[in-house]
Amino acid sequence: DKDGIQDGTELGVNGVTVQLKNAAGIVLQTTVTANGPTGAGYY
């Protein structure tokens, strides 16, 4: 519903690339969202 709130019926999205950067913006690690303890979209 594009309200910016993670409602209980809204599902996670797998396969999204997520990067961890330091304060200077240098990429330290990269992962991809997958199924986690409570459902999809976990990183």
Full PDB file with SEQRES, HELIX, SHEET, SSBOND, CRYST1, ORIGX, SCALE, CONECT and MASTER records, all heavy atoms in Angstrom:
SEQRES   1 A   43  ASP LYS ASP GLY ILE GLN ASP GLY THR GLU LEU GLY VAL          
SEQRES   2 A   43  ASN GLY VAL THR VAL GLN LEU LYS ASN ALA ALA GLY ILE          
SEQRES   3 A   43  VAL LEU GLN THR THR VAL THR ALA ASN GLY PRO THR GLY          
SEQRES   4 A   43  ALA GLY TYR TYR                                              
SHEET    1 AA1 2 THR A  17  LYS A  21  0                                        
SHEET    2 AA1 2 VAL A  27  VAL A  32 -1                                        
SHEET    1 AA2 2 ALA A  34  GLY A  36  0                                        
SHEET    2 AA2 2 GLY A  39  TYR A  42 -1                                        
CRYST1    1.000    1.000    1.000  90.00  90.00  90.00 P 1           1          
ORIGX1      1.000000  0.000000  0.000000        0.00000                         
ORIGX2      0.000000  1.000000  0.000000        0.00000                         
ORIGX3      0.000000  0.000000  1.000000        0.00000                         
SCALE1      1.000000  0.000000  0.000000        0.00000                         
SCALE2      0.000000  1.000000  0.000000        0.00000                         
SCALE3      0.000000  0.000000  1.000000        0.00000                         
ATOM      1  N   ASP A   1       0.808  -1.222   0.000  1.00  0.00           N  
ATOM      2  CA  ASP A   1       0.000   0.000   0.000  1.00  0.00           C  
ATOM      3  C   ASP A   1       0.841   1.271   0.000  1.00  0.00           C  
ATOM      4  O   ASP A   1       0.310   2.368   0.132  1.00  0.00           O  
ATOM      5  CB  ASP A   1      -0.963   0.013   1.179  1.00  0.00           C  
ATOM      6  CG  ASP A   1      -0.264  -0.211   2.514  1.00  0.00           C  
ATOM      7  OD1 ASP A   1       0.977  -0.272   2.535  1.00  0.00           O  
ATOM      8  OD2 ASP A   1      -0.963  -0.333   3.533  1.00  0.00           O  
ATOM      9  N   LYS A   2       2.161   1.118  -0.092  1.00  0.00           N  
ATOM     10  CA  LYS A   2       3.077   2.258  -0.175  1.00  0.00           C  
ATOM     11  C   LYS A   2       2.878   3.246   0.978  1.00  0.00           C  
ATOM     12  O   LYS A   2       2.943   4.456   0.792  1.00  0.00           O  
ATOM     13  CB  LYS A   2       2.908   2.971  -1.517  1.00  0.00           C  
ATOM     14  CG  LYS A   2       4.084   3.890  -1.880  1.00  0.00           C  
ATOM     15  CD  LYS A   2       3.685   4.902  -2.922  1.00  0.00           C  
ATOM     16  CE  LYS A   2       4.695   6.036  -3.001  1.00  0.00           C  
ATOM     17  NZ  LYS A   2       4.198   7.181  -3.757  1.00  0.00           N  
ATOM     18  N   ASP A   3       2.659   2.711   2.188  1.00  0.00           N  
ATOM     19  CA  ASP A   3       2.516   3.596   3.344  1.00  0.00           C  
ATOM     20  C   ASP A   3       3.782   3.666   4.179  1.00  0.00           C  
ATOM     21  O   ASP A   3       3.825   4.349   5.204  1.00  0.00           O  
ATOM     22  CB  ASP A   3       1.338   3.168   4.221  1.00  0.00           C  
ATOM     23  CG  ASP A   3       1.537   1.798   4.859  1.00  0.00           C  
ATOM     24  OD1 ASP A   3       2.498   1.089   4.486  1.00  0.00           O  
ATOM     25  OD2 ASP A   3       0.716   1.418   5.705  1.00  0.00           O  
ATOM     26  N   GLY A   4       4.840   2.942   3.747  1.00  0.00           N  
ATOM     27  CA  GLY A   4       6.099   2.978   4.475  1.00  0.00           C  
ATOM     28  C   GLY A   4       6.111   2.183   5.758  1.00  0.00           C  
ATOM     29  O   GLY A   4       7.054   2.286   6.541  1.00  0.00           O  
ATOM     30  N   ILE A   5       5.081   1.362   5.975  1.00  0.00           N  
ATOM     31  CA  ILE A   5       4.976   0.562   7.202  1.00  0.00           C  
ATOM     32  C   ILE A   5       4.948  -0.912   6.821  1.00  0.00           C  
ATOM     33  O   ILE A   5       4.210  -1.317   5.925  1.00  0.00           O  
ATOM     34  CB  ILE A   5       3.715   0.932   8.002  1.00  0.00           C  
ATOM     35  CG1 ILE A   5       3.754   2.407   8.399  1.00  0.00           C  
ATOM     36  CG2 ILE A   5       3.577   0.047   9.237  1.00  0.00           C  
ATOM     37  CD1 ILE A   5       2.471   2.907   9.025  1.00  0.00           C  
ATOM     38  N   GLN A   6       5.718  -1.716   7.516  1.00  0.00           N  
ATOM     39  CA  GLN A   6       5.775  -3.146   7.244  1.00  0.00           C  
ATOM     40  C   GLN A   6       4.581  -3.823   7.901  1.00  0.00           C  
ATOM     41  O   GLN A   6       4.632  -4.272   9.039  1.00  0.00           O  
ATOM     42  CB  GLN A   6       7.094  -3.724   7.777  1.00  0.00           C  
ATOM     43  CG  GLN A   6       7.353  -5.164   7.377  1.00  0.00           C  
ATOM     44  CD  GLN A   6       8.728  -5.621   7.800  1.00  0.00           C  
ATOM     45  OE1 GLN A   6       9.524  -4.830   8.270  1.00  0.00           O  
ATOM     46  NE2 GLN A   6       9.015  -6.897   7.632  1.00  0.00           N  
ATOM     47  N   ASP A   7       3.465  -3.899   7.151  1.00  0.00           N  
ATOM     48  CA  ASP A   7       2.243  -4.508   7.675  1.00  0.00           C  
ATOM     49  C   ASP A   7       2.396  -6.024   7.754  1.00  0.00           C  
ATOM     50  O   ASP A   7       3.197  -6.626   7.029  1.00  0.00           O  
ATOM     51  CB  ASP A   7       1.056  -4.144   6.783  1.00  0.00           C  
ATOM     52  CG  ASP A   7       0.878  -2.634   6.645  1.00  0.00           C  
ATOM     53  OD1 ASP A   7       0.951  -1.944   7.670  1.00  0.00           O  
ATOM     54  OD2 ASP A   7       0.670  -2.161   5.515  1.00  0.00           O  
ATOM     55  N   GLY A   8       1.585  -6.624   8.600  1.00  0.00           N  
ATOM     56  CA  GLY A   8       1.715  -8.064   8.836  1.00  0.00           C  
ATOM     57  C   GLY A   8       1.437  -8.915   7.621  1.00  0.00           C  
ATOM     58  O   GLY A   8       1.937 -10.033   7.510  1.00  0.00           O  
ATOM     59  N   THR A   9       0.646  -8.412   6.675  1.00  0.00           N  
ATOM     60  CA  THR A   9       0.297  -9.195   5.489  1.00  0.00           C  
ATOM     61  C   THR A   9       1.267  -8.978   4.331  1.00  0.00           C  
ATOM     62  O   THR A   9       1.158  -9.646   3.305  1.00  0.00           O  
ATOM     63  CB  THR A   9      -1.114  -8.832   5.016  1.00  0.00           C  
ATOM     64  OG1 THR A   9      -1.174  -7.417   4.757  1.00  0.00           O  
ATOM     65  CG2 THR A   9      -2.148  -9.187   6.073  1.00  0.00           C  
ATOM     66  N   GLU A  10       2.189  -8.037   4.483  1.00  0.00           N  
ATOM     67  CA  GLU A  10       3.127  -7.740   3.400  1.00  0.00           C  
ATOM     68  C   GLU A  10       4.348  -8.658   3.492  1.00  0.00           C  
ATOM     69  O   GLU A  10       4.895  -8.874   4.573  1.00  0.00           O  
ATOM     70  CB  GLU A  10       3.538  -6.266   3.457  1.00  0.00           C  
ATOM     71  CG  GLU A  10       2.346  -5.353   3.160  1.00  0.00           C  
ATOM     72  CD  GLU A  10       2.648  -3.885   3.350  1.00  0.00           C  
ATOM     73  OE1 GLU A  10       3.603  -3.551   4.078  1.00  0.00           O  
ATOM     74  OE2 GLU A  10       1.915  -3.058   2.780  1.00  0.00           O  
ATOM     75  N   LEU A  11       4.753  -9.179   2.347  1.00  0.00           N  
ATOM     76  CA  LEU A  11       5.757 -10.236   2.307  1.00  0.00           C  
ATOM     77  C   LEU A  11       7.136  -9.706   1.946  1.00  0.00           C  
ATOM     78  O   LEU A  11       7.286  -8.694   1.262  1.00  0.00           O  
ATOM     79  CB  LEU A  11       5.340 -11.296   1.286  1.00  0.00           C  
ATOM     80  CG  LEU A  11       3.969 -11.944   1.521  1.00  0.00           C  
ATOM     81  CD1 LEU A  11       3.656 -12.948   0.417  1.00  0.00           C  
ATOM     82  CD2 LEU A  11       3.903 -12.598   2.887  1.00  0.00           C  
ATOM     83  N   GLY A  12       8.148 -10.440   2.392  1.00  0.00           N  
ATOM     84  CA  GLY A  12       9.521 -10.120   2.055  1.00  0.00           C  
ATOM     85  C   GLY A  12       9.829 -10.436   0.608  1.00  0.00           C  
ATOM     86  O   GLY A  12       9.133 -11.219  -0.050  1.00  0.00           O  
ATOM     87  N   VAL A  13      10.906  -9.822   0.109  1.00  0.00           N  
ATOM     88  CA  VAL A  13      11.327 -10.007  -1.280  1.00  0.00           C  
ATOM     89  C   VAL A  13      12.726 -10.614  -1.290  1.00  0.00           C  
ATOM     90  O   VAL A  13      13.688 -10.007  -0.808  1.00  0.00           O  
ATOM     91  CB  VAL A  13      11.348  -8.673  -2.046  1.00  0.00           C  
ATOM     92  CG1 VAL A  13      11.753  -8.900  -3.500  1.00  0.00           C  
ATOM     93  CG2 VAL A  13       9.990  -7.987  -1.956  1.00  0.00           C  
ATOM     94  N   ASN A  14      12.842 -11.814  -1.823  1.00  0.00           N  
ATOM     95  CA  ASN A  14      14.143 -12.466  -1.960  1.00  0.00           C  
ATOM     96  C   ASN A  14      14.886 -11.964  -3.197  1.00  0.00           C  
ATOM     97  O   ASN A  14      14.285 -11.422  -4.122  1.00  0.00           O  
ATOM     98  CB  ASN A  14      13.978 -13.981  -2.052  1.00  0.00           C  
ATOM     99  CG  ASN A  14      13.632 -14.605  -0.716  1.00  0.00           C  
ATOM    100  OD1 ASN A  14      13.795 -13.988   0.327  1.00  0.00           O  
ATOM    101  ND2 ASN A  14      13.149 -15.842  -0.743  1.00  0.00           N  
ATOM    102  N   GLY A  15      16.193 -12.163  -3.206  1.00  0.00           N  
ATOM    103  CA  GLY A  15      16.994 -11.858  -4.385  1.00  0.00           C  
ATOM    104  C   GLY A  15      17.428 -10.417  -4.514  1.00  0.00           C  
ATOM    105  O   GLY A  15      17.966 -10.031  -5.564  1.00  0.00           O  
ATOM    106  N   VAL A  16      17.222  -9.601  -3.468  1.00  0.00           N  
ATOM    107  CA  VAL A  16      17.636  -8.195  -3.516  1.00  0.00           C  
ATOM    108  C   VAL A  16      19.081  -8.084  -3.026  1.00  0.00           C  
ATOM    109  O   VAL A  16      19.415  -8.579  -1.943  1.00  0.00           O  
ATOM    110  CB  VAL A  16      16.715  -7.318  -2.659  1.00  0.00           C  
ATOM    111  CG1 VAL A  16      17.192  -5.859  -2.677  1.00  0.00           C  
ATOM    112  CG2 VAL A  16      15.270  -7.420  -3.147  1.00  0.00           C  
ATOM    113  N   THR A  17      19.908  -7.415  -3.791  1.00  0.00           N  
ATOM    114  CA  THR A  17      21.313  -7.225  -3.413  1.00  0.00           C  
ATOM    115  C   THR A  17      21.425  -6.154  -2.324  1.00  0.00           C  
ATOM    116  O   THR A  17      20.842  -5.071  -2.433  1.00  0.00           O  
ATOM    117  CB  THR A  17      22.138  -6.812  -4.628  1.00  0.00           C  
ATOM    118  OG1 THR A  17      22.094  -7.866  -5.602  1.00  0.00           O  
ATOM    119  CG2 THR A  17      23.598  -6.557  -4.237  1.00  0.00           C  
ATOM    120  N   VAL A  18      22.182  -6.479  -1.256  1.00  0.00           N  
ATOM    121  CA  VAL A  18      22.391  -5.558  -0.138  1.00  0.00           C  
ATOM    122  C   VAL A  18      23.899  -5.432   0.095  1.00  0.00           C  
ATOM    123  O   VAL A  18      24.613  -6.431   0.162  1.00  0.00           O  
ATOM    124  CB  VAL A  18      21.695  -6.064   1.141  1.00  0.00           C  
ATOM    125  CG1 VAL A  18      21.789  -5.002   2.246  1.00  0.00           C  
ATOM    126  CG2 VAL A  18      20.247  -6.431   0.870  1.00  0.00           C  
ATOM    127  N   GLN A  19      24.352  -4.192   0.215  1.00  0.00           N  
ATOM    128  CA  GLN A  19      25.787  -3.940   0.415  1.00  0.00           C  
ATOM    129  C   GLN A  19      26.029  -3.311   1.788  1.00  0.00           C  
ATOM    130  O   GLN A  19      25.245  -2.461   2.239  1.00  0.00           O  
ATOM    131  CB  GLN A  19      26.312  -2.980  -0.659  1.00  0.00           C  
ATOM    132  CG  GLN A  19      26.193  -3.497  -2.081  1.00  0.00           C  
ATOM    133  CD  GLN A  19      26.488  -2.412  -3.112  1.00  0.00           C  
ATOM    134  OE1 GLN A  19      26.329  -1.234  -2.831  1.00  0.00           O  
ATOM    135  NE2 GLN A  19      26.923  -2.834  -4.292  1.00  0.00           N  
ATOM    136  N   LEU A  20      27.088  -3.733   2.429  1.00  0.00           N  
ATOM    137  CA  LEU A  20      27.540  -3.108   3.670  1.00  0.00           C  
ATOM    138  C   LEU A  20      28.742  -2.225   3.348  1.00  0.00           C  
ATOM    139  O   LEU A  20      29.715  -2.681   2.752  1.00  0.00           O  
ATOM    140  CB  LEU A  20      27.944  -4.167   4.701  1.00  0.00           C  
ATOM    141  CG  LEU A  20      28.414  -3.612   6.054  1.00  0.00           C  
ATOM    142  CD1 LEU A  20      27.245  -3.033   6.834  1.00  0.00           C  
ATOM    143  CD2 LEU A  20      29.113  -4.707   6.871  1.00  0.00           C  
ATOM    144  N   LYS A  21      28.642  -0.955   3.743  1.00  0.00           N  
ATOM    145  CA  LYS A  21      29.715  -0.004   3.460  1.00  0.00           C  
ATOM    146  C   LYS A  21      30.212   0.617   4.756  1.00  0.00           C  
ATOM    147  O   LYS A  21      29.494   0.668   5.760  1.00  0.00           O  
ATOM    148  CB  LYS A  21      29.210   1.107   2.534  1.00  0.00           C  
ATOM    149  CG  LYS A  21      28.698   0.647   1.181  1.00  0.00           C  
ATOM    150  CD  LYS A  21      28.160   1.803   0.362  1.00  0.00           C  
ATOM    151  CE  LYS A  21      27.649   1.369  -1.007  1.00  0.00           C  
ATOM    152  NZ  LYS A  21      27.105   2.502  -1.787  1.00  0.00           N  
ATOM    153  N   ASN A  22      31.451   1.103   4.708  1.00  0.00           N  
ATOM    154  CA  ASN A  22      31.946   1.872   5.851  1.00  0.00           C  
ATOM    155  C   ASN A  22      31.477   3.316   5.723  1.00  0.00           C  
ATOM    156  O   ASN A  22      30.773   3.680   4.748  1.00  0.00           O  
ATOM    157  CB  ASN A  22      33.464   1.765   5.989  1.00  0.00           C  
ATOM    158  CG  ASN A  22      34.191   2.328   4.772  1.00  0.00           C  
ATOM    159  OD1 ASN A  22      33.639   3.091   3.984  1.00  0.00           O  
ATOM    160  ND2 ASN A  22      35.461   1.943   4.633  1.00  0.00           N  
ATOM    161  N   ALA A  23      31.883   4.159   6.662  1.00  0.00           N  
ATOM    162  CA  ALA A  23      31.409   5.542   6.669  1.00  0.00           C  
ATOM    163  C   ALA A  23      31.861   6.310   5.438  1.00  0.00           C  
ATOM    164  O   ALA A  23      31.235   7.312   5.052  1.00  0.00           O  
ATOM    165  CB  ALA A  23      31.871   6.244   7.937  1.00  0.00           C  
ATOM    166  N   ALA A  24      32.937   5.861   4.799  1.00  0.00           N  
ATOM    167  CA  ALA A  24      33.430   6.530   3.606  1.00  0.00           C  
ATOM    168  C   ALA A  24      32.756   6.034   2.335  1.00  0.00           C  
ATOM    169  O   ALA A  24      33.061   6.507   1.238  1.00  0.00           O  
ATOM    170  CB  ALA A  24      34.937   6.341   3.491  1.00  0.00           C  
ATOM    171  N   GLY A  25      31.846   5.047   2.463  1.00  0.00           N  
ATOM    172  CA  GLY A  25      31.127   4.535   1.308  1.00  0.00           C  
ATOM    173  C   GLY A  25      31.806   3.403   0.593  1.00  0.00           C  
ATOM    174  O   GLY A  25      31.365   3.012  -0.502  1.00  0.00           O  
ATOM    175  N   ILE A  26      32.855   2.832   1.165  1.00  0.00           N  
ATOM    176  CA  ILE A  26      33.545   1.702   0.547  1.00  0.00           C  
ATOM    177  C   ILE A  26      32.783   0.413   0.874  1.00  0.00           C  
ATOM    178  O   ILE A  26      32.439   0.153   2.034  1.00  0.00           O  
ATOM    179  CB  ILE A  26      34.989   1.606   1.054  1.00  0.00           C  
ATOM    180  CG1 ILE A  26      35.761   2.863   0.639  1.00  0.00           C  
ATOM    181  CG2 ILE A  26      35.675   0.354   0.515  1.00  0.00           C  
ATOM    182  CD1 ILE A  26      37.136   2.959   1.253  1.00  0.00           C  
ATOM    183  N   VAL A  27      32.518  -0.405  -0.151  1.00  0.00           N  
ATOM    184  CA  VAL A  27      31.779  -1.646   0.041  1.00  0.00           C  
ATOM    185  C   VAL A  27      32.657  -2.661   0.760  1.00  0.00           C  
ATOM    186  O   VAL A  27      33.758  -2.992   0.306  1.00  0.00           O  
ATOM    187  CB  VAL A  27      31.296  -2.221  -1.312  1.00  0.00           C  
ATOM    188  CG1 VAL A  27      30.589  -3.561  -1.090  1.00  0.00           C  
ATOM    189  CG2 VAL A  27      30.379  -1.237  -2.018  1.00  0.00           C  
ATOM    190  N   LEU A  28      32.149  -3.146   1.902  1.00  0.00           N  
ATOM    191  CA  LEU A  28      32.880  -4.123   2.701  1.00  0.00           C  
ATOM    192  C   LEU A  28      32.375  -5.538   2.479  1.00  0.00           C  
ATOM    193  O   LEU A  28      33.159  -6.492   2.449  1.00  0.00           O  
ATOM    194  CB  LEU A  28      32.755  -3.767   4.187  1.00  0.00           C  
ATOM    195  CG  LEU A  28      33.171  -2.353   4.588  1.00  0.00           C  
ATOM    196  CD1 LEU A  28      32.867  -2.110   6.057  1.00  0.00           C  
ATOM    197  CD2 LEU A  28      34.648  -2.122   4.284  1.00  0.00           C  
ATOM    198  N   GLN A  29      31.074  -5.687   2.365  1.00  0.00           N  
ATOM    199  CA  GLN A  29      30.459  -7.003   2.149  1.00  0.00           C  
ATOM    200  C   GLN A  29      29.231  -6.820   1.256  1.00  0.00           C  
ATOM    201  O   GLN A  29      28.628  -5.738   1.204  1.00  0.00           O  
ATOM    202  CB  GLN A  29      30.007  -7.642   3.474  1.00  0.00           C  
ATOM    203  CG  GLN A  29      31.085  -7.981   4.475  1.00  0.00           C  
ATOM    204  CD  GLN A  29      30.499  -8.694   5.692  1.00  0.00           C  
ATOM    205  OE1 GLN A  29      29.642  -9.584   5.568  1.00  0.00           O  
ATOM    206  NE2 GLN A  29      30.962  -8.294   6.870  1.00  0.00           N  
ATOM    207  N   THR A  30      28.858  -7.907   0.579  1.00  0.00           N  
ATOM    208  CA  THR A  30      27.634  -7.925  -0.238  1.00  0.00           C  
ATOM    209  C   THR A  30      26.888  -9.216   0.041  1.00  0.00           C  
ATOM    210  O   THR A  30      27.513 -10.288   0.152  1.00  0.00           O  
ATOM    211  CB  THR A  30      27.959  -7.819  -1.737  1.00  0.00           C  
ATOM    212  OG1 THR A  30      28.632  -6.583  -1.989  1.00  0.00           O  
ATOM    213  CG2 THR A  30      26.688  -7.862  -2.574  1.00  0.00           C  
ATOM    214  N   THR A  31      25.558  -9.132   0.144  1.00  0.00           N  
ATOM    215  CA  THR A  31      24.736 -10.321   0.327  1.00  0.00           C  
ATOM    216  C   THR A  31      23.468 -10.167  -0.513  1.00  0.00           C  
ATOM    217  O   THR A  31      23.250  -9.142  -1.166  1.00  0.00           O  
ATOM    218  CB  THR A  31      24.382 -10.541   1.811  1.00  0.00           C  
ATOM    219  OG1 THR A  31      23.756 -11.824   1.959  1.00  0.00           O  
ATOM    220  CG2 THR A  31      23.454  -9.451   2.328  1.00  0.00           C  
ATOM    221  N   VAL A  32      22.642 -11.190  -0.494  1.00  0.00           N  
ATOM    222  CA  VAL A  32      21.376 -11.182  -1.241  1.00  0.00           C  
ATOM    223  C   VAL A  32      20.282 -11.658  -0.301  1.00  0.00           C  
ATOM    224  O   VAL A  32      20.471 -12.645   0.435  1.00  0.00           O  
ATOM    225  CB  VAL A  32      21.455 -12.092  -2.492  1.00  0.00           C  
ATOM    226  CG1 VAL A  32      20.111 -12.135  -3.204  1.00  0.00           C  
ATOM    227  CG2 VAL A  32      22.537 -11.600  -3.441  1.00  0.00           C  
ATOM    228  N   THR A  33      19.144 -10.976  -0.297  1.00  0.00           N  
ATOM    229  CA  THR A  33      18.049 -11.369   0.596  1.00  0.00           C  
ATOM    230  C   THR A  33      17.556 -12.769   0.251  1.00  0.00           C  
ATOM    231  O   THR A  33      17.500 -13.169  -0.908  1.00  0.00           O  
ATOM    232  CB  THR A  33      16.880 -10.372   0.517  1.00  0.00           C  
ATOM    233  OG1 THR A  33      16.416 -10.282  -0.836  1.00  0.00           O  
ATOM    234  CG2 THR A  33      17.288  -9.003   1.020  1.00  0.00           C  
ATOM    235  N   ALA A  34      17.185 -13.506   1.313  1.00  0.00           N  
ATOM    236  CA  ALA A  34      16.730 -14.889   1.167  1.00  0.00           C  
ATOM    237  C   ALA A  34      15.779 -15.203   2.313  1.00  0.00           C  
ATOM    238  O   ALA A  34      15.477 -14.341   3.147  1.00  0.00           O  
ATOM    239  CB  ALA A  34      17.928 -15.839   1.173  1.00  0.00           C  
ATOM    240  N   ASN A  35      15.296 -16.432   2.360  1.00  0.00           N  
ATOM    241  CA  ASN A  35      14.423 -16.835   3.461  1.00  0.00           C  
ATOM    242  C   ASN A  35      15.187 -16.798   4.773  1.00  0.00           C  
ATOM    243  O   ASN A  35      16.344 -17.241   4.861  1.00  0.00           O  
ATOM    244  CB  ASN A  35      13.876 -18.245   3.229  1.00  0.00           C  
ATOM    245  CG  ASN A  35      12.887 -18.296   2.090  1.00  0.00           C  
ATOM    246  OD1 ASN A  35      12.259 -17.290   1.759  1.00  0.00           O  
ATOM    247  ND2 ASN A  35      12.721 -19.464   1.489  1.00  0.00           N  
ATOM    248  N   GLY A  36      14.521 -16.255   5.804  1.00  0.00           N  
ATOM    249  CA  GLY A  36      15.139 -16.161   7.118  1.00  0.00           C  
ATOM    250  C   GLY A  36      14.257 -16.765   8.187  1.00  0.00           C  
ATOM    251  O   GLY A  36      13.325 -17.529   7.883  1.00  0.00           O  
ATOM    252  N   PRO A  37      14.482 -16.416   9.428  1.00  0.00           N  
ATOM    253  CA  PRO A  37      13.738 -17.030  10.537  1.00  0.00           C  
ATOM    254  C   PRO A  37      12.225 -16.810  10.471  1.00  0.00           C  
ATOM    255  O   PRO A  37      11.453 -17.644  10.923  1.00  0.00           O  
ATOM    256  CB  PRO A  37      14.330 -16.349  11.777  1.00  0.00           C  
ATOM    257  CG  PRO A  37      15.677 -15.870  11.345  1.00  0.00           C  
ATOM    258  CD  PRO A  37      15.541 -15.511   9.910  1.00  0.00           C  
ATOM    259  N   THR A  38      11.791 -15.667   9.899  1.00  0.00           N  
ATOM    260  CA  THR A  38      10.352 -15.378   9.875  1.00  0.00           C  
ATOM    261  C   THR A  38       9.805 -15.194   8.475  1.00  0.00           C  
ATOM    262  O   THR A  38       8.676 -14.723   8.315  1.00  0.00           O  
ATOM    263  CB  THR A  38      10.051 -14.100  10.697  1.00  0.00           C  
ATOM    264  OG1 THR A  38      10.770 -13.003  10.124  1.00  0.00           O  
ATOM    265  CG2 THR A  38      10.441 -14.281  12.148  1.00  0.00           C  
ATOM    266  N   GLY A  39      10.585 -15.554   7.462  1.00  0.00           N  
ATOM    267  CA  GLY A  39      10.058 -15.449   6.114  1.00  0.00           C  
ATOM    268  C   GLY A  39      11.080 -14.936   5.123  1.00  0.00           C  
ATOM    269  O   GLY A  39      12.284 -14.868   5.402  1.00  0.00           O  
ATOM    270  N   ALA A  40      10.581 -14.561   3.930  1.00  0.00           N  
ATOM    271  CA  ALA A  40      11.451 -14.116   2.848  1.00  0.00           C  
ATOM    272  C   ALA A  40      11.961 -12.702   3.110  1.00  0.00           C  
ATOM    273  O   ALA A  40      11.495 -11.987   3.999  1.00  0.00           O  
ATOM    274  CB  ALA A  40      10.696 -14.164   1.525  1.00  0.00           C  
ATOM    275  N   GLY A  41      12.959 -12.298   2.295  1.00  0.00           N  
ATOM    276  CA  GLY A  41      13.477 -10.938   2.332  1.00  0.00           C  
ATOM    277  C   GLY A  41      14.538 -10.681   3.375  1.00  0.00           C  
ATOM    278  O   GLY A  41      14.930  -9.531   3.596  1.00  0.00           O  
ATOM    279  N   TYR A  42      15.047 -11.714   4.011  1.00  0.00           N  
ATOM    280  CA  TYR A  42      15.968 -11.583   5.151  1.00  0.00           C  
ATOM    281  C   TYR A  42      17.401 -11.372   4.680  1.00  0.00           C  
ATOM    282  O   TYR A  42      17.864 -11.952   3.702  1.00  0.00           O  
ATOM    283  CB  TYR A  42      15.870 -12.860   5.981  1.00  0.00           C  
ATOM    284  CG  TYR A  42      16.790 -12.977   7.159  1.00  0.00           C  
ATOM    285  CD1 TYR A  42      16.524 -12.310   8.339  1.00  0.00           C  
ATOM    286  CD2 TYR A  42      17.930 -13.795   7.101  1.00  0.00           C  
ATOM    287  CE1 TYR A  42      17.360 -12.453   9.443  1.00  0.00           C  
ATOM    288  CE2 TYR A  42      18.773 -13.942   8.194  1.00  0.00           C  
ATOM    289  CZ  TYR A  42      18.480 -13.262   9.362  1.00  0.00           C  
ATOM    290  OH  TYR A  42      19.298 -13.410  10.445  1.00  0.00           O  
ATOM    291  N   TYR A  43      18.140 -10.495   5.363  1.00  0.00           N  
ATOM    292  CA  TYR A  43      19.576 -10.352   5.136  1.00  0.00           C  
ATOM    293  C   TYR A  43      20.260 -10.125   6.481  1.00  0.00           C  
ATOM    294  O   TYR A  43      19.625  -9.696   7.464  1.00  0.00           O  
ATOM    295  CB  TYR A  43      19.879  -9.183   4.185  1.00  0.00           C  
ATOM    296  CG  TYR A  43      19.850  -7.840   4.861  1.00  0.00           C  
ATOM    297  CD1 TYR A  43      21.017  -7.266   5.361  1.00  0.00           C  
ATOM    298  CD2 TYR A  43      18.653  -7.147   5.046  1.00  0.00           C  
ATOM    299  CE1 TYR A  43      20.996  -6.033   6.008  1.00  0.00           C  
ATOM    300  CE2 TYR A  43      18.627  -5.920   5.685  1.00  0.00           C  
ATOM    301  CZ  TYR A  43      19.791  -5.372   6.172  1.00  0.00           C  
ATOM    302  OH  TYR A  43      19.763  -4.169   6.827  1.00  0.00           O  
TER     303      TYR A  43                                                      
MASTER        0    0    0    0    4    0    0    6  302    1    0    4          
END                                                                             
